[in-house]
N, C-alpha and C. Protein backbone atom coordinates (compact mmCIF):
# COMPACT_ATOMS: atom_id res chain seq x y z
N MET A 1 0.86 -1.13 -0.10
CA MET A 1 0.19 0.01 -0.17
C MET A 1 0.77 1.23 -0.08
N LEU A 2 0.51 2.05 -0.70
CA LEU A 2 1.29 3.38 -0.66
C LEU A 2 0.42 4.59 0.00
N TYR A 3 1.19 5.28 0.97
CA TYR A 3 0.74 6.48 1.45
C TYR A 3 1.03 7.70 1.22
N THR A 4 -0.13 8.66 1.03
CA THR A 4 0.35 9.92 0.80
C THR A 4 1.24 10.63 2.00
N VAL A 5 1.54 11.98 1.59
CA VAL A 5 2.43 12.53 3.01
C VAL A 5 1.45 12.69 4.12
N LYS A 6 0.16 13.01 3.85
CA LYS A 6 -0.89 13.36 5.11
C LYS A 6 -0.91 12.27 5.70
N GLN A 7 -1.33 11.06 4.76
CA GLN A 7 -1.79 9.70 5.49
C GLN A 7 -0.73 9.17 6.52
N LEU A 8 0.64 9.29 5.93
CA LEU A 8 1.72 8.78 6.76
C LEU A 8 1.94 9.62 7.92
N ALA A 9 1.75 10.87 7.75
CA ALA A 9 2.16 11.58 8.87
C ALA A 9 0.90 11.71 9.99
N ASP A 10 -0.13 11.50 9.53
CA ASP A 10 -1.11 11.12 10.48
C ASP A 10 -1.08 9.80 11.12
N LEU A 11 -0.55 8.95 10.34
CA LEU A 11 -0.48 7.69 11.00
C LEU A 11 0.76 7.55 12.10
N ALA A 12 1.83 8.37 11.76
CA ALA A 12 3.03 8.37 12.56
C ALA A 12 3.13 9.39 13.69
N GLY A 13 1.97 10.17 13.65
CA GLY A 13 1.88 11.23 14.62
C GLY A 13 3.03 12.48 14.33
N ILE A 14 3.31 12.73 13.23
CA ILE A 14 4.21 14.00 13.16
C ILE A 14 3.60 14.72 11.81
N SER A 15 4.24 16.01 11.79
CA SER A 15 3.72 16.94 10.84
C SER A 15 4.15 16.50 9.32
N ARG A 16 3.14 17.07 8.49
CA ARG A 16 3.62 16.70 7.14
C ARG A 16 5.00 17.56 6.74
N ARG A 17 5.10 18.80 7.51
CA ARG A 17 6.40 19.40 7.10
C ARG A 17 7.75 18.56 7.76
N THR A 18 7.31 17.70 8.79
CA THR A 18 8.39 16.66 9.16
C THR A 18 8.84 16.16 8.08
N LEU A 19 7.79 15.40 7.56
CA LEU A 19 7.99 14.29 6.37
C LEU A 19 8.88 15.24 5.13
N HIS A 20 8.18 16.19 4.77
CA HIS A 20 9.04 16.92 3.93
C HIS A 20 10.40 17.46 4.21
N TYR A 21 10.71 17.77 5.46
CA TYR A 21 12.11 18.03 5.64
C TYR A 21 12.97 16.76 5.62
N TYR A 22 12.53 15.74 6.32
CA TYR A 22 13.14 14.39 5.84
C TYR A 22 13.49 13.93 4.48
N ASP A 23 12.49 14.19 3.69
CA ASP A 23 12.92 14.28 2.16
C ASP A 23 14.14 14.91 1.69
N GLN A 24 13.87 16.13 2.31
CA GLN A 24 14.82 17.62 1.80
C GLN A 24 16.34 17.09 2.40
N ILE A 25 16.40 16.64 3.47
CA ILE A 25 17.71 16.31 3.85
C ILE A 25 18.19 14.75 3.53
N GLY A 26 17.47 14.00 2.58
CA GLY A 26 17.69 12.58 2.12
C GLY A 26 17.61 11.52 3.40
N LEU A 27 16.84 12.03 4.74
CA LEU A 27 16.60 10.91 5.64
C LEU A 27 15.66 10.19 5.28
N LEU A 28 14.38 10.30 4.55
CA LEU A 28 13.56 9.48 4.32
C LEU A 28 12.77 10.10 3.01
N GLU A 29 13.42 9.37 1.78
CA GLU A 29 12.81 9.60 0.37
C GLU A 29 11.46 9.00 -0.04
N PRO A 30 10.42 9.67 -0.51
CA PRO A 30 9.45 8.99 -0.94
C PRO A 30 9.49 7.70 -2.25
N SER A 31 8.77 6.83 -1.84
CA SER A 31 8.85 5.56 -2.75
C SER A 31 8.72 5.76 -4.00
N SER A 32 7.92 6.82 -4.31
CA SER A 32 7.44 7.24 -5.60
C SER A 32 6.92 9.06 -5.51
N VAL A 33 6.94 9.51 -6.55
CA VAL A 33 6.42 10.92 -6.83
C VAL A 33 5.47 10.93 -8.13
N GLY A 34 4.26 11.15 -7.88
CA GLY A 34 3.21 11.08 -9.05
C GLY A 34 3.75 12.42 -9.82
N GLU A 35 2.93 12.33 -11.08
CA GLU A 35 3.19 13.20 -12.03
C GLU A 35 2.90 14.57 -11.39
N ASN A 36 1.85 14.75 -10.37
CA ASN A 36 1.55 16.05 -9.95
C ASN A 36 2.39 16.53 -8.77
N GLY A 37 3.30 15.43 -8.47
CA GLY A 37 4.44 16.08 -7.55
C GLY A 37 3.91 15.56 -6.11
N TYR A 38 3.12 14.82 -6.04
CA TYR A 38 2.70 14.14 -4.56
C TYR A 38 3.75 12.94 -4.38
N ARG A 39 3.92 13.11 -3.19
CA ARG A 39 5.06 12.03 -2.69
C ARG A 39 4.29 10.86 -2.00
N PHE A 40 4.54 9.59 -2.57
CA PHE A 40 3.90 8.32 -1.91
C PHE A 40 4.84 7.54 -1.13
N TYR A 41 4.56 7.03 -0.10
CA TYR A 41 5.54 6.00 0.61
C TYR A 41 4.95 4.72 0.56
N GLY A 42 5.67 3.92 0.53
CA GLY A 42 5.57 2.46 0.44
C GLY A 42 5.88 1.92 1.81
N GLU A 43 6.16 0.29 1.75
CA GLU A 43 6.33 -0.22 2.85
C GLU A 43 7.67 0.12 3.64
N ASP A 44 8.66 -0.02 2.63
CA ASP A 44 10.03 0.10 2.87
C ASP A 44 10.29 1.90 3.78
N ALA A 45 9.80 2.58 2.92
CA ALA A 45 9.82 3.90 3.64
C ALA A 45 9.05 4.02 4.80
N VAL A 46 7.89 3.40 4.96
CA VAL A 46 7.15 3.33 6.47
C VAL A 46 8.17 2.68 7.35
N LEU A 47 8.79 1.52 7.08
CA LEU A 47 9.58 1.03 8.05
C LEU A 47 10.89 1.83 8.32
N ARG A 48 11.26 2.56 7.45
CA ARG A 48 12.53 3.46 7.82
C ARG A 48 12.01 4.67 8.66
N LEU A 49 10.72 5.08 8.37
CA LEU A 49 10.36 6.01 9.26
C LEU A 49 10.04 5.71 10.54
N GLN A 50 9.69 4.23 10.80
CA GLN A 50 9.46 3.82 12.26
C GLN A 50 11.16 3.83 12.88
N GLN A 51 11.94 3.49 11.99
CA GLN A 51 13.30 3.44 12.79
C GLN A 51 13.73 4.87 12.96
N VAL A 52 13.44 5.80 12.20
CA VAL A 52 13.86 7.33 12.50
C VAL A 52 12.99 7.70 13.89
N LEU A 53 11.66 7.28 14.04
CA LEU A 53 11.27 7.90 15.19
C LEU A 53 11.49 7.22 16.36
N PHE A 54 12.25 5.72 16.26
CA PHE A 54 12.87 5.01 17.39
C PHE A 54 14.01 5.79 17.85
N TYR A 55 14.76 6.04 16.88
CA TYR A 55 16.15 6.73 17.08
C TYR A 55 15.88 7.94 17.74
N ARG A 56 14.80 8.96 17.22
CA ARG A 56 14.64 10.24 17.93
C ARG A 56 14.22 9.96 19.06
N GLU A 57 13.31 9.04 19.43
CA GLU A 57 12.82 8.54 20.91
C GLU A 57 13.97 8.45 21.71
N LEU A 58 15.05 8.06 21.22
CA LEU A 58 16.38 7.85 22.07
C LEU A 58 17.21 9.04 21.86
N ASP A 59 16.65 10.00 21.50
CA ASP A 59 17.44 11.50 21.46
C ASP A 59 18.56 11.52 20.48
N MET A 60 18.59 10.81 19.43
CA MET A 60 19.70 10.90 18.47
C MET A 60 19.51 11.85 17.64
N GLY A 61 20.29 12.35 16.97
CA GLY A 61 20.23 13.43 15.86
C GLY A 61 20.16 13.02 14.68
N LEU A 62 19.44 13.79 13.64
CA LEU A 62 19.14 13.28 12.52
C LEU A 62 20.24 12.90 11.61
N ASP A 63 21.24 13.73 11.66
CA ASP A 63 22.49 13.09 10.78
C ASP A 63 22.96 11.80 11.28
N GLU A 64 23.07 11.63 12.61
CA GLU A 64 23.49 10.34 13.04
C GLU A 64 22.50 9.15 12.85
N ILE A 65 21.37 9.66 12.80
CA ILE A 65 20.32 8.55 12.40
C ILE A 65 20.44 8.13 10.98
N ARG A 66 20.75 9.28 10.16
CA ARG A 66 21.03 8.85 8.52
C ARG A 66 22.14 7.91 8.42
N ALA A 67 23.01 8.39 8.97
CA ALA A 67 24.64 7.25 8.87
C ALA A 67 24.15 6.00 9.42
N ILE A 68 23.41 5.83 10.45
CA ILE A 68 23.01 4.42 10.89
C ILE A 68 22.25 3.91 9.93
N LEU A 69 21.22 4.33 9.36
CA LEU A 69 20.22 3.82 8.70
C LEU A 69 20.85 3.40 7.17
N ASP A 70 21.95 4.23 6.67
CA ASP A 70 22.35 4.04 5.51
C ASP A 70 23.69 3.07 5.37
N ARG A 71 23.87 2.67 6.44
CA ARG A 71 25.02 1.47 6.45
C ARG A 71 24.79 0.50 6.01
N PRO A 72 25.66 -0.27 5.13
CA PRO A 72 25.27 -1.38 4.45
C PRO A 72 24.95 -2.51 5.37
N ASP A 73 25.36 -2.64 6.47
CA ASP A 73 25.33 -3.62 7.39
C ASP A 73 24.09 -3.66 8.31
N PHE A 74 23.30 -2.43 8.16
CA PHE A 74 22.04 -2.15 8.97
C PHE A 74 21.07 -3.44 8.67
N ASP A 75 20.61 -3.79 9.97
CA ASP A 75 19.73 -4.84 10.19
C ASP A 75 18.76 -4.67 10.79
N VAL A 76 17.33 -4.44 10.46
CA VAL A 76 16.08 -4.11 10.72
C VAL A 76 15.63 -4.93 12.02
N GLY A 77 15.87 -6.14 12.18
CA GLY A 77 15.64 -7.10 13.25
C GLY A 77 16.52 -6.83 14.35
N ARG A 78 17.71 -6.91 13.86
CA ARG A 78 18.74 -6.66 15.11
C ARG A 78 18.44 -5.18 15.95
N THR A 79 18.25 -4.21 14.99
CA THR A 79 17.82 -2.97 15.39
C THR A 79 16.75 -2.80 16.43
N LEU A 80 15.66 -3.55 15.84
CA LEU A 80 14.53 -3.56 16.63
C LEU A 80 14.79 -4.13 18.07
N HIS A 81 15.63 -5.21 18.22
CA HIS A 81 16.15 -5.82 19.49
C HIS A 81 16.57 -4.67 20.49
N ALA A 82 17.55 -4.04 19.49
CA ALA A 82 18.45 -2.91 20.37
C ALA A 82 17.31 -2.00 20.98
N HIS A 83 16.47 -1.32 19.71
CA HIS A 83 15.58 -0.30 20.31
C HIS A 83 14.61 -0.91 21.53
N ARG A 84 14.46 -2.28 21.69
CA ARG A 84 13.61 -2.69 22.66
C ARG A 84 14.39 -2.76 23.99
N GLN A 85 15.67 -2.95 23.99
CA GLN A 85 16.38 -3.22 25.16
C GLN A 85 16.64 -1.83 25.58
N ALA A 86 16.98 -0.78 24.79
CA ALA A 86 17.13 0.63 25.28
C ALA A 86 15.84 1.07 25.89
N LEU A 87 14.75 0.74 25.29
CA LEU A 87 13.45 1.46 25.79
C LEU A 87 13.03 0.74 27.19
N GLN A 88 13.50 -0.48 27.34
CA GLN A 88 13.33 -1.47 28.36
C GLN A 88 14.26 -0.57 29.70
N HIS A 89 15.32 -0.29 29.34
CA HIS A 89 16.24 0.43 30.43
C HIS A 89 15.54 1.51 30.68
N ARG A 90 15.34 2.25 29.98
CA ARG A 90 14.50 3.64 30.14
C ARG A 90 13.41 3.39 31.03
N ILE A 91 12.68 2.33 30.69
CA ILE A 91 11.46 2.05 31.72
C ILE A 91 11.86 1.90 32.98
N GLU A 92 12.76 1.15 33.18
CA GLU A 92 13.44 0.73 34.42
C GLU A 92 13.93 1.87 35.28
N ARG A 93 14.52 2.68 34.51
CA ARG A 93 15.11 3.90 35.10
C ARG A 93 14.03 5.02 35.54
N LEU A 94 12.98 4.88 34.61
CA LEU A 94 11.90 5.86 35.04
C LEU A 94 10.97 5.15 36.31
N GLU A 95 11.05 4.21 36.39
CA GLU A 95 10.36 3.35 37.41
C GLU A 95 11.28 3.64 38.92
N ALA A 96 12.41 3.55 38.68
CA ALA A 96 13.36 3.76 39.80
C ALA A 96 13.18 5.32 40.28
N LEU A 97 12.92 6.44 39.39
CA LEU A 97 12.86 7.77 39.45
C LEU A 97 11.46 7.87 40.14
N ILE A 98 10.46 7.31 39.54
CA ILE A 98 9.27 7.23 40.30
C ILE A 98 9.20 6.81 41.69
N GLY A 99 9.77 5.71 41.93
CA GLY A 99 9.85 5.17 43.32
C GLY A 99 10.55 6.27 44.29
N THR A 100 11.59 6.78 43.80
CA THR A 100 12.49 7.91 44.40
C THR A 100 11.15 8.91 44.70
N ILE A 101 10.51 9.26 43.98
CA ILE A 101 9.55 10.51 43.77
C ILE A 101 8.60 10.14 45.17
N ASP A 102 7.82 8.91 44.71
CA ASP A 102 6.99 8.34 45.95
C ASP A 102 7.61 8.44 47.27
N LYS A 103 8.70 7.98 47.36
CA LYS A 103 9.11 7.69 48.71
C LYS A 103 9.63 9.18 49.38
N THR A 104 10.07 10.12 48.54
CA THR A 104 10.40 11.25 48.98
C THR A 104 9.13 12.21 49.40
N ILE A 105 7.94 11.68 48.63
CA ILE A 105 6.73 12.34 49.02
C ILE A 105 6.26 11.85 50.50
N GLN A 106 6.52 10.58 50.62
CA GLN A 106 6.12 10.12 52.09
C GLN A 106 7.27 10.61 53.07
N TYR A 107 8.36 10.78 52.62
CA TYR A 107 9.38 11.64 53.68
C TYR A 107 9.18 13.13 54.08
N THR A 108 8.59 13.84 52.84
CA THR A 108 8.16 15.14 53.29
C THR A 108 7.03 15.37 53.99
N ARG A 109 6.38 14.33 54.29
CA ARG A 109 4.99 13.99 54.85
C ARG A 109 5.16 13.44 56.21
N GLY A 110 6.65 13.18 56.61
CA GLY A 110 7.09 12.62 57.94
C GLY A 110 6.60 11.12 58.24
N LYS A 111 6.35 10.39 57.05
CA LYS A 111 5.46 9.16 57.08
C LYS A 111 6.71 8.18 57.08
N VAL A 112 7.70 8.23 56.58
CA VAL A 112 8.90 7.26 56.27
C VAL A 112 10.20 8.26 56.68
N GLU A 113 11.30 7.35 57.04
CA GLU A 113 12.58 8.05 56.97
C GLU A 113 13.58 7.58 55.74
N MET A 114 14.24 8.62 55.12
CA MET A 114 15.24 8.41 54.03
C MET A 114 16.64 9.06 54.53
N SER A 115 17.45 8.24 54.05
CA SER A 115 18.75 8.96 54.00
C SER A 115 19.20 9.92 52.96
N THR A 116 20.00 10.37 53.11
CA THR A 116 20.64 11.42 52.04
C THR A 116 20.73 10.82 50.72
N PRO A 117 21.54 9.49 50.88
CA PRO A 117 21.78 8.69 49.30
C PRO A 117 20.16 8.21 49.04
N GLU A 118 19.56 7.77 49.82
CA GLU A 118 18.22 7.57 49.12
C GLU A 118 17.33 8.49 48.44
N LEU A 119 17.72 9.87 48.78
CA LEU A 119 17.15 10.91 48.01
C LEU A 119 17.58 10.89 46.57
N PHE A 120 18.65 10.33 46.58
CA PHE A 120 19.25 10.49 44.82
C PHE A 120 19.21 8.98 44.28
N GLU A 121 18.47 8.13 44.67
CA GLU A 121 18.69 6.69 44.02
C GLU A 121 17.73 7.12 42.97
N GLY A 122 18.07 6.42 41.77
CA GLY A 122 17.39 6.46 40.48
C GLY A 122 18.11 7.30 39.55
N PHE A 123 18.77 8.32 40.23
CA PHE A 123 19.61 9.09 39.06
C PHE A 123 20.73 8.42 38.61
């Protein structure tokens, strides 16, 4: 299936302007361009956009993302596993921070004791 800029932008939760910019910088080129100049994105482009968004979620810059995705040895399956591990690590870190916040709330209300090192757990 082919998607227009608007369709893909809506599916991915990004702006049409972002897709146009990604095309302009060579990060995500459309699969085809119609005679009317409309860009169309196929499955390969959709999967590439997903990778771009995963890397953006990990705070990577666009130049760095393009370099990774354009490597000849880039492997989507291996990369998806790495994304999952990175996101799982982020979840664990956020859960630790939430635990510290919850305990600090209780501490500030006088309901539990906390040592100074415990105030900084999770960081």
